[in-house]
Protein backbone atom coordinates (compact mmCIF):
# COMPACT_ATOMS: atom_id res chain seq x y z
CA UNK A 1 39.36 2.66 -75.08
CA UNK A 2 37.06 2.44 -71.84
CA UNK A 3 38.55 0.50 -68.97
CA UNK A 4 36.20 -2.34 -67.93
CA UNK A 5 36.25 -1.19 -64.21
CA UNK A 6 34.94 2.67 -65.14
CA UNK A 7 31.03 1.37 -64.87
CA UNK A 8 31.88 0.16 -61.38
CA UNK A 9 32.93 3.05 -59.84
CA UNK A 10 30.94 4.28 -57.01
CA UNK A 11 29.14 1.26 -56.98
CA UNK A 12 28.93 -1.42 -54.16
CA UNK A 13 30.64 -4.68 -55.57
CA UNK A 14 32.36 -7.91 -54.77
CA UNK A 15 35.71 -8.18 -56.34
CA UNK A 16 37.48 -11.65 -56.87
CA UNK A 17 41.00 -11.34 -56.00
CA UNK A 18 43.88 -13.63 -56.56
CA UNK A 19 47.36 -13.41 -55.07
CA UNK A 20 49.47 -16.80 -55.40
CA UNK A 21 47.18 -19.56 -55.20
CA UNK A 22 44.62 -17.99 -52.98
CA UNK A 23 41.52 -16.53 -54.34
CA UNK A 24 39.33 -14.41 -52.11
CA UNK A 25 36.07 -12.44 -52.39
CA UNK A 26 36.25 -8.71 -51.31
CA UNK A 27 33.12 -6.72 -50.75
CA UNK A 28 33.14 -3.05 -50.91
CA UNK A 29 32.98 0.31 -53.34
CA UNK A 30 35.34 0.99 -56.30
CA UNK A 31 36.29 4.59 -55.56
CA UNK A 32 38.58 5.18 -58.39
CA UNK A 33 41.15 3.83 -60.85
CA UNK A 34 44.67 4.60 -62.24
CA UNK A 35 46.30 2.76 -64.98
CA UNK A 36 48.01 -0.12 -63.01
CA UNK A 37 45.33 -0.37 -59.72
CA UNK A 38 41.73 0.12 -58.54
CA UNK A 39 41.27 2.01 -55.05
CA UNK A 40 38.68 -0.10 -53.27
CA UNK A 41 36.89 1.07 -50.18
CA UNK A 42 35.86 -1.22 -47.60
CA UNK A 43 33.11 -1.23 -45.23
CA UNK A 44 35.08 0.39 -42.34
CA UNK A 45 35.91 3.20 -44.81
CA UNK A 46 39.38 2.16 -45.23
CA UNK A 47 41.29 2.26 -48.93
CA UNK A 48 43.15 -0.25 -50.93
CA UNK A 49 44.91 -0.07 -53.86
CA UNK A 50 44.46 -3.25 -55.82
CA UNK A 51 46.45 -4.03 -58.82
CA UNK A 52 44.30 -4.77 -61.85
CA UNK A 53 45.90 -8.18 -62.61
CA UNK A 54 45.11 -9.58 -59.62
CA UNK A 55 41.29 -8.84 -60.33
CA UNK A 56 39.71 -12.09 -61.52
CA UNK A 57 36.07 -10.89 -61.67
CA UNK A 58 33.79 -7.86 -60.66
CA UNK A 59 30.45 -8.75 -59.33
CA UNK A 60 27.24 -6.43 -58.38
CA UNK A 61 26.76 -6.79 -54.77
CA UNK A 62 23.20 -7.78 -54.10
CA UNK A 63 23.52 -7.20 -50.39
CA UNK A 64 24.49 -3.62 -50.96
CA UNK A 65 21.93 -2.10 -48.55
CA UNK A 66 23.74 -3.86 -45.85
CA UNK A 67 27.14 -1.80 -46.33
CA UNK A 68 27.24 1.20 -44.28
CA UNK A 69 29.68 3.96 -45.69
């Protein structure tokens, strides 16, 4: 079965991420995925691993032209 994140790899997106009772949007690019996490690159080129259960939503970034990688 294909992962719901697979179609977003290489695209600039906004992730809605939750931790405890905090929810924040993160703008960047999904660069790869493992069984338990998604590797996410923010505008300054740093990569972060985000656990999949923390991701509430993935949205297309309409302002993606503004991001410089």
